[in-house]
Amino acid sequence: MIRISDINEIVQSASMVVGGYAFSKMDDRNIRIVGLEYPNHALVIRPDGEILETNMDDIELEIVLGYWERNKKYMEEEVDA
């Protein structure tokens, strides 16, 4: 069971939150995306949007990738740093 404190920790460590998904830069420059309503729904992508691993269904995946494409500019400085 996911606790509210777990969700708060995910949000606090995120670089960006869009549409109920937390986007975080990983040490290897990849992006980890976690659903806040269902934290077991996760995705790891490269900065160019290439999918490395996921357990999201195709519809959720398309929605989240759309959020990434429209908002990645807000993380570019951090991703490129």
PDB file of N, CA and C in Angstrom:
ATOM      1  N   MET A   1       0.846  -1.186   0.000  1.00  0.00           N
ATOM      2  CA  MET A   1       0.000   0.000   0.000  1.00  0.00           C
ATOM      3  C   MET A   1       0.892   1.250   0.000  1.00  0.00           C
ATOM      4  N   ILE A   2       0.585   2.161  -0.874  1.00  0.00           N
ATOM      5  CA  ILE A   2       1.340   3.404  -0.996  1.00  0.00           C
ATOM      6  C   ILE A   2       0.803   4.386   0.047  1.00  0.00           C
ATOM      7  N   ARG A   3       1.705   4.991   0.785  1.00  0.00           N
ATOM      8  CA  ARG A   3       1.323   5.976   1.797  1.00  0.00           C
ATOM      9  C   ARG A   3       1.424   7.386   1.216  1.00  0.00           C
ATOM     10  N   ILE A   4       0.706   8.300   1.814  1.00  0.00           N
ATOM     11  CA  ILE A   4       0.764   9.698   1.390  1.00  0.00           C
ATOM     12  C   ILE A   4       2.183  10.232   1.510  1.00  0.00           C
ATOM     13  N   SER A   5       2.913   9.806   2.525  1.00  0.00           N
ATOM     14  CA  SER A   5       4.292  10.263   2.681  1.00  0.00           C
ATOM     15  C   SER A   5       5.159   9.798   1.509  1.00  0.00           C
ATOM     16  N   ASP A   6       4.856   8.623   0.944  1.00  0.00           N
ATOM     17  CA  ASP A   6       5.589   8.142  -0.231  1.00  0.00           C
ATOM     18  C   ASP A   6       5.314   9.045  -1.438  1.00  0.00           C
ATOM     19  N   ILE A   7       4.056   9.438  -1.611  1.00  0.00           N
ATOM     20  CA  ILE A   7       3.683  10.325  -2.711  1.00  0.00           C
ATOM     21  C   ILE A   7       4.356  11.679  -2.521  1.00  0.00           C
ATOM     22  N   ASN A   8       4.329  12.185  -1.298  1.00  0.00           N
ATOM     23  CA  ASN A   8       4.979  13.467  -1.018  1.00  0.00           C
ATOM     24  C   ASN A   8       6.462  13.411  -1.344  1.00  0.00           C
ATOM     25  N   GLU A   9       7.122  12.309  -1.030  1.00  0.00           N
ATOM     26  CA  GLU A   9       8.548  12.156  -1.321  1.00  0.00           C
ATOM     27  C   GLU A   9       8.799  12.156  -2.828  1.00  0.00           C
ATOM     28  N   ILE A  10       7.933  11.489  -3.582  1.00  0.00           N
ATOM     29  CA  ILE A  10       8.063  11.456  -5.040  1.00  0.00           C
ATOM     30  C   ILE A  10       7.927  12.875  -5.604  1.00  0.00           C
ATOM     31  N   VAL A  11       6.927  13.608  -5.131  1.00  0.00           N
ATOM     32  CA  VAL A  11       6.698  14.969  -5.614  1.00  0.00           C
ATOM     33  C   VAL A  11       7.860  15.880  -5.234  1.00  0.00           C
ATOM     34  N   GLN A  12       8.338  15.765  -4.002  1.00  0.00           N
ATOM     35  CA  GLN A  12       9.437  16.619  -3.533  1.00  0.00           C
ATOM     36  C   GLN A  12      10.709  16.406  -4.346  1.00  0.00           C
ATOM     37  N   SER A  13      10.957  15.176  -4.774  1.00  0.00           N
ATOM     38  CA  SER A  13      12.188  14.892  -5.514  1.00  0.00           C
ATOM     39  C   SER A  13      12.035  15.110  -7.022  1.00  0.00           C
ATOM     40  N   ALA A  14      10.817  15.357  -7.485  1.00  0.00           N
ATOM     41  CA  ALA A  14      10.570  15.538  -8.921  1.00  0.00           C
ATOM     42  C   ALA A  14      11.087  16.886  -9.401  1.00  0.00           C
ATOM     43  N   SER A  15      11.534  16.900 -10.638  1.00  0.00           N
ATOM     44  CA  SER A  15      11.936  18.141 -11.288  1.00  0.00           C
ATOM     45  C   SER A  15      10.731  18.868 -11.864  1.00  0.00           C
ATOM     46  N   MET A  16       9.674  18.086 -12.174  1.00  0.00           N
ATOM     47  CA  MET A  16       8.496  18.656 -12.816  1.00  0.00           C
ATOM     48  C   MET A  16       7.320  17.731 -12.534  1.00  0.00           C
ATOM     49  N   VAL A  17       6.148  18.301 -12.310  1.00  0.00           N
ATOM     50  CA  VAL A  17       4.913  17.524 -12.158  1.00  0.00           C
ATOM     51  C   VAL A  17       3.921  18.067 -13.176  1.00  0.00           C
ATOM     52  N   VAL A  18       3.407  17.166 -14.023  1.00  0.00           N
ATOM     53  CA  VAL A  18       2.466  17.554 -15.074  1.00  0.00           C
ATOM     54  C   VAL A  18       1.370  16.501 -15.161  1.00  0.00           C
ATOM     55  N   GLY A  19       0.131  16.942 -15.094  1.00  0.00           N
ATOM     56  CA  GLY A  19      -1.002  16.044 -15.317  1.00  0.00           C
ATOM     57  C   GLY A  19      -1.026  14.832 -14.399  1.00  0.00           C
ATOM     58  N   GLY A  20      -0.548  14.969 -13.189  1.00  0.00           N
ATOM     59  CA  GLY A  20      -0.558  13.857 -12.247  1.00  0.00           C
ATOM     60  C   GLY A  20       0.610  12.898 -12.386  1.00  0.00           C
ATOM     61  N   TYR A  21       1.661  13.337 -13.067  1.00  0.00           N
ATOM     62  CA  TYR A  21       2.860  12.515 -13.233  1.00  0.00           C
ATOM     63  C   TYR A  21       4.076  13.310 -12.779  1.00  0.00           C
ATOM     64  N   ALA A  22       4.957  12.653 -12.031  1.00  0.00           N
ATOM     65  CA  ALA A  22       6.188  13.275 -11.546  1.00  0.00           C
ATOM     66  C   ALA A  22       7.335  12.866 -12.460  1.00  0.00           C
ATOM     67  N   PHE A  23       8.069  13.855 -12.965  1.00  0.00           N
ATOM     68  CA  PHE A  23       9.190  13.655 -13.871  1.00  0.00           C
ATOM     69  C   PHE A  23      10.466  13.965 -13.107  1.00  0.00           C
ATOM     70  N   SER A  24      11.386  13.004 -13.038  1.00  0.00           N
ATOM     71  CA  SER A  24      12.634  13.182 -12.288  1.00  0.00           C
ATOM     72  C   SER A  24      13.823  12.779 -13.135  1.00  0.00           C
ATOM     73  N   LYS A  25      14.866  13.591 -13.057  1.00  0.00           N
ATOM     74  CA  LYS A  25      16.110  13.267 -13.760  1.00  0.00           C
ATOM     75  C   LYS A  25      16.881  12.243 -12.930  1.00  0.00           C
ATOM     76  N   MET A  26      17.338  11.200 -13.594  1.00  0.00           N
ATOM     77  CA  MET A  26      18.130  10.174 -12.938  1.00  0.00           C
ATOM     78  C   MET A  26      19.618  10.490 -13.119  1.00  0.00           C
ATOM     79  N   ASP A  27      20.474   9.831 -12.363  1.00  0.00           N
ATOM     80  CA  ASP A  27      21.915  10.078 -12.436  1.00  0.00           C
ATOM     81  C   ASP A  27      22.484   9.850 -13.833  1.00  0.00           C
ATOM     82  N   ASP A  28      21.899   8.934 -14.592  1.00  0.00           N
ATOM     83  CA  ASP A  28      22.394   8.627 -15.939  1.00  0.00           C
ATOM     84  C   ASP A  28      21.759   9.516 -17.017  1.00  0.00           C
ATOM     85  N   ARG A  29      21.103  10.603 -16.591  1.00  0.00           N
ATOM     86  CA  ARG A  29      20.444  11.591 -17.455  1.00  0.00           C
ATOM     87  C   ARG A  29      19.111  11.119 -18.021  1.00  0.00           C
ATOM     88  N   ASN A  30      18.729   9.875 -17.782  1.00  0.00           N
ATOM     89  CA  ASN A  30      17.418   9.421 -18.207  1.00  0.00           C
ATOM     90  C   ASN A  30      16.362  10.052 -17.308  1.00  0.00           C
ATOM     91  N   ILE A  31      15.108   9.941 -17.723  1.00  0.00           N
ATOM     92  CA  ILE A  31      13.997  10.546 -17.002  1.00  0.00           C
ATOM     93  C   ILE A  31      13.095   9.441 -16.462  1.00  0.00           C
ATOM     94  N   ARG A  32      12.819   9.508 -15.165  1.00  0.00           N
ATOM     95  CA  ARG A  32      11.885   8.563 -14.536  1.00  0.00           C
ATOM     96  C   ARG A  32      10.565   9.301 -14.363  1.00  0.00           C
ATOM     97  N   ILE A  33       9.488   8.660 -14.788  1.00  0.00           N
ATOM     98  CA  ILE A  33       8.155   9.252 -14.706  1.00  0.00           C
ATOM     99  C   ILE A  33       7.280   8.305 -13.892  1.00  0.00           C
ATOM    100  N   VAL A  34       6.646   8.854 -12.861  1.00  0.00           N
ATOM    101  CA  VAL A  34       5.823   8.051 -11.959  1.00  0.00           C
ATOM    102  C   VAL A  34       4.440   8.673 -11.866  1.00  0.00           C
ATOM    103  N   GLY A  35       3.407   7.845 -11.990  1.00  0.00           N
ATOM    104  CA  GLY A  35       2.032   8.316 -11.815  1.00  0.00           C
ATOM    105  C   GLY A  35       1.759   8.580 -10.350  1.00  0.00           C
ATOM    106  N   LEU A  36       1.195   9.723 -10.040  1.00  0.00           N
ATOM    107  CA  LEU A  36       0.936  10.054  -8.642  1.00  0.00           C
ATOM    108  C   LEU A  36      -0.330   9.389  -8.119  1.00  0.00           C
ATOM    109  N   GLU A  37      -1.290   9.148  -8.981  1.00  0.00           N
ATOM    110  CA  GLU A  37      -2.500   8.443  -8.550  1.00  0.00           C
ATOM    111  C   GLU A  37      -2.223   6.947  -8.393  1.00  0.00           C
ATOM    112  N   TYR A  38      -1.413   6.412  -9.290  1.00  0.00           N
ATOM    113  CA  TYR A  38      -1.021   5.001  -9.254  1.00  0.00           C
ATOM    114  C   TYR A  38       0.504   4.932  -9.344  1.00  0.00           C
ATOM    115  N   PRO A  39       1.208   5.073  -8.227  1.00  0.00           N
ATOM    116  CA  PRO A  39       2.676   5.134  -8.256  1.00  0.00           C
ATOM    117  C   PRO A  39       3.361   3.880  -8.795  1.00  0.00           C
ATOM    118  N   ASN A  40       2.615   2.797  -8.916  1.00  0.00           N
ATOM    119  CA  ASN A  40       3.204   1.602  -9.517  1.00  0.00           C
ATOM    120  C   ASN A  40       3.226   1.698 -11.048  1.00  0.00           C
ATOM    121  N   HIS A  41       2.631   2.752 -11.606  1.00  0.00           N
ATOM    122  CA  HIS A  41       2.716   3.015 -13.046  1.00  0.00           C
ATOM    123  C   HIS A  41       3.933   3.894 -13.272  1.00  0.00           C
ATOM    124  N   ALA A  42       4.926   3.336 -13.945  1.00  0.00           N
ATOM    125  CA  ALA A  42       6.193   4.056 -14.107  1.00  0.00           C
ATOM    126  C   ALA A  42       6.738   3.882 -15.520  1.00  0.00           C
ATOM    127  N   LEU A  43       7.647   4.789 -15.852  1.00  0.00           N
ATOM    128  CA  LEU A  43       8.236   4.826 -17.179  1.00  0.00           C
ATOM    129  C   LEU A  43       9.629   5.410 -17.053  1.00  0.00           C
ATOM    130  N   VAL A  44      10.575   4.857 -17.789  1.00  0.00           N
ATOM    131  CA  VAL A  44      11.919   5.435 -17.880  1.00  0.00           C
ATOM    132  C   VAL A  44      12.185   5.691 -19.355  1.00  0.00           C
ATOM    133  N   ILE A  45      12.559   6.953 -19.648  1.00  0.00           N
ATOM    134  CA  ILE A  45      12.851   7.337 -21.026  1.00  0.00           C
ATOM    135  C   ILE A  45      14.196   8.049 -21.088  1.00  0.00           C
ATOM    136  N   ARG A  46      14.750   8.088 -22.289  1.00  0.00           N
ATOM    137  CA  ARG A  46      15.907   8.932 -22.539  1.00  0.00           C
ATOM    138  C   ARG A  46      15.395  10.351 -22.736  1.00  0.00           C
ATOM    139  N   PRO A  47      16.259  11.362 -22.624  1.00  0.00           N
ATOM    140  CA  PRO A  47      15.805  12.744 -22.828  1.00  0.00           C
ATOM    141  C   PRO A  47      15.142  12.986 -24.190  1.00  0.00           C
ATOM    142  N   ASP A  48      15.481  12.167 -25.198  1.00  0.00           N
ATOM    143  CA  ASP A  48      14.859  12.328 -26.518  1.00  0.00           C
ATOM    144  C   ASP A  48      13.498  11.630 -26.615  1.00  0.00           C
ATOM    145  N   GLY A  49      13.050  10.996 -25.512  1.00  0.00           N
ATOM    146  CA  GLY A  49      11.747  10.347 -25.480  1.00  0.00           C
ATOM    147  C   GLY A  49      11.766   8.863 -25.780  1.00  0.00           C
ATOM    148  N   GLU A  50      12.936   8.301 -26.079  1.00  0.00           N
ATOM    149  CA  GLU A  50      13.023   6.861 -26.342  1.00  0.00           C
ATOM    150  C   GLU A  50      12.674   6.094 -25.067  1.00  0.00           C
ATOM    151  N   ILE A  51      11.765   5.154 -25.179  1.00  0.00           N
ATOM    152  CA  ILE A  51      11.314   4.367 -24.033  1.00  0.00           C
ATOM    153  C   ILE A  51      12.345   3.299 -23.703  1.00  0.00           C
ATOM    154  N   LEU A  52      12.762   3.265 -22.444  1.00  0.00           N
ATOM    155  CA  LEU A  52      13.700   2.241 -21.991  1.00  0.00           C
ATOM    156  C   LEU A  52      12.973   1.128 -21.244  1.00  0.00           C
ATOM    157  N   GLU A  53      12.038   1.495 -20.385  1.00  0.00           N
ATOM    158  CA  GLU A  53      11.218   0.492 -19.716  1.00  0.00           C
ATOM    159  C   GLU A  53       9.947   1.132 -19.196  1.00  0.00           C
ATOM    160  N   THR A  54       8.892   0.322 -19.123  1.00  0.00           N
ATOM    161  CA  THR A  54       7.606   0.816 -18.636  1.00  0.00           C
ATOM    162  C   THR A  54       6.712  -0.346 -18.240  1.00  0.00           C
ATOM    163  N   ASN A  55       5.733  -0.036 -17.419  1.00  0.00           N
ATOM    164  CA  ASN A  55       4.658  -0.986 -17.149  1.00  0.00           C
ATOM    165  C   ASN A  55       3.304  -0.323 -17.405  1.00  0.00           C
ATOM    166  N   MET A  56       3.321   0.795 -18.124  1.00  0.00           N
ATOM    167  CA  MET A  56       2.097   1.501 -18.482  1.00  0.00           C
ATOM    168  C   MET A  56       1.474   0.872 -19.715  1.00  0.00           C
ATOM    169  N   ASP A  57       0.138   0.960 -19.799  1.00  0.00           N
ATOM    170  CA  ASP A  57      -0.509   0.480 -21.019  1.00  0.00           C
ATOM    171  C   ASP A  57      -0.312   1.509 -22.135  1.00  0.00           C
ATOM    172  N   ASP A  58      -0.659   1.135 -23.347  1.00  0.00           N
ATOM    173  CA  ASP A  58      -0.386   1.971 -24.517  1.00  0.00           C
ATOM    174  C   ASP A  58      -1.058   3.345 -24.448  1.00  0.00           C
ATOM    175  N   ILE A  59      -2.276   3.396 -23.928  1.00  0.00           N
ATOM    176  CA  ILE A  59      -2.994   4.672 -23.860  1.00  0.00           C
ATOM    177  C   ILE A  59      -2.316   5.603 -22.865  1.00  0.00           C
ATOM    178  N   GLU A  60      -2.029   5.102 -21.661  1.00  0.00           N
ATOM    179  CA  GLU A  60      -1.356   5.920 -20.654  1.00  0.00           C
ATOM    180  C   GLU A  60       0.020   6.360 -21.157  1.00  0.00           C
ATOM    181  N   LEU A  61       0.707   5.467 -21.810  1.00  0.00           N
ATOM    182  CA  LEU A  61       2.033   5.766 -22.348  1.00  0.00           C
ATOM    183  C   LEU A  61       1.972   6.930 -23.336  1.00  0.00           C
ATOM    184  N   GLU A  62       1.019   6.930 -24.235  1.00  0.00           N
ATOM    185  CA  GLU A  62       0.874   8.023 -25.204  1.00  0.00           C
ATOM    186  C   GLU A  62       0.561   9.343 -24.507  1.00  0.00           C
ATOM    187  N   ILE A  63      -0.278   9.301 -23.490  1.00  0.00           N
ATOM    188  CA  ILE A  63      -0.606  10.519 -22.738  1.00  0.00           C
ATOM    189  C   ILE A  63       0.638  11.080 -22.069  1.00  0.00           C
ATOM    190  N   VAL A  64       1.385  10.215 -21.388  1.00  0.00           N
ATOM    191  CA  VAL A  64       2.572  10.660 -20.645  1.00  0.00           C
ATOM    192  C   VAL A  64       3.654  11.168 -21.599  1.00  0.00           C
ATOM    193  N   LEU A  65       3.862  10.489 -22.708  1.00  0.00           N
ATOM    194  CA  LEU A  65       4.851  10.957 -23.679  1.00  0.00           C
ATOM    195  C   LEU A  65       4.439  12.302 -24.277  1.00  0.00           C
ATOM    196  N   GLY A  66       3.144  12.527 -24.423  1.00  0.00           N
ATOM    197  CA  GLY A  66       2.659  13.830 -24.871  1.00  0.00           C
ATOM    198  C   GLY A  66       2.977  14.912 -23.857  1.00  0.00           C
ATOM    199  N   TYR A  67       2.780  14.603 -22.577  1.00  0.00           N
ATOM    200  CA  TYR A  67       3.157  15.554 -21.524  1.00  0.00           C
ATOM    201  C   TYR A  67       4.651  15.861 -21.611  1.00  0.00           C
ATOM    202  N   TRP A  68       5.459  14.821 -21.834  1.00  0.00           N
ATOM    203  CA  TRP A  68       6.910  15.023 -21.918  1.00  0.00           C
ATOM    204  C   TRP A  68       7.261  15.932 -23.096  1.00  0.00           C
ATOM    205  N   GLU A  69       6.726  15.634 -24.265  1.00  0.00           N
ATOM    206  CA  GLU A  69       7.048  16.417 -25.461  1.00  0.00           C
ATOM    207  C   GLU A  69       6.660  17.884 -25.305  1.00  0.00           C
ATOM    208  N   ARG A  70       5.504  18.135 -24.689  1.00  0.00           N
ATOM    209  CA  ARG A  70       5.038  19.515 -24.542  1.00  0.00           C
ATOM    210  C   ARG A  70       5.746  20.274 -23.419  1.00  0.00           C
ATOM    211  N   ASN A  71       6.361  19.577 -22.476  1.00  0.00           N
ATOM    212  CA  ASN A  71       6.908  20.247 -21.293  1.00  0.00           C
ATOM    213  C   ASN A  71       8.384  20.006 -21.027  1.00  0.00           C
ATOM    214  N   LYS A  72       9.054  19.222 -21.858  1.00  0.00           N
ATOM    215  CA  LYS A  72      10.454  18.891 -21.594  1.00  0.00           C
ATOM    216  C   LYS A  72      11.355  20.112 -21.563  1.00  0.00           C
ATOM    217  N   LYS A  73      10.978  21.176 -22.243  1.00  0.00           N
ATOM    218  CA  LYS A  73      11.777  22.398 -22.246  1.00  0.00           C
ATOM    219  C   LYS A  73      11.968  22.941 -20.836  1.00  0.00           C
ATOM    220  N   TYR A  74      11.033  22.648 -19.930  1.00  0.00           N
ATOM    221  CA  TYR A  74      11.156  23.131 -18.564  1.00  0.00           C
ATOM    222  C   TYR A  74      12.198  22.350 -17.765  1.00  0.00           C
ATOM    223  N   MET A  75      12.582  21.187 -18.278  1.00  0.00           N
ATOM    224  CA  MET A  75      13.605  20.383 -17.618  1.00  0.00           C
ATOM    225  C   MET A  75      14.926  20.402 -18.381  1.00  0.00           C
ATOM    226  N   GLU A  76      14.977  21.004 -19.563  1.00  0.00           N
ATOM    227  CA  GLU A  76      16.176  20.938 -20.405  1.00  0.00           C
ATOM    228  C   GLU A  76      17.434  21.419 -19.709  1.00  0.00           C
ATOM    229  N   GLU A  77      17.342  22.531 -19.004  1.00  0.00           N
ATOM    230  CA  GLU A  77      18.527  23.026 -18.302  1.00  0.00           C
ATOM    231  C   GLU A  77      19.022  21.995 -17.310  1.00  0.00           C
ATOM    232  N   GLU A  78      18.098  21.381 -16.588  1.00  0.00           N
ATOM    233  CA  GLU A  78      18.491  20.391 -15.603  1.00  0.00           C
ATOM    234  C   GLU A  78      18.995  19.121 -16.275  1.00  0.00           C
ATOM    235  N   VAL A  79      18.347  18.683 -17.353  1.00  0.00           N
ATOM    236  CA  VAL A  79      18.761  17.475 -18.060  1.00  0.00           C
ATOM    237  C   VAL A  79      20.143  17.687 -18.684  1.00  0.00           C
ATOM    238  N   ASP A  80      20.380  18.880 -19.230  1.00  0.00           N
ATOM    239  CA  ASP A  80      21.657  19.161 -19.891  1.00  0.00           C
ATOM    240  C   ASP A  80      22.774  19.486 -18.914  1.00  0.00           C
ATOM    241  N   ALA A  81      22.454  19.764 -17.670  1.00  0.00           N
ATOM    242  CA  ALA A  81      23.464  20.155 -16.680  1.00  0.00           C
ATOM    243  C   ALA A  81      24.363  19.001 -16.311  1.00  0.00           C
TER     244      ALA A  81
END
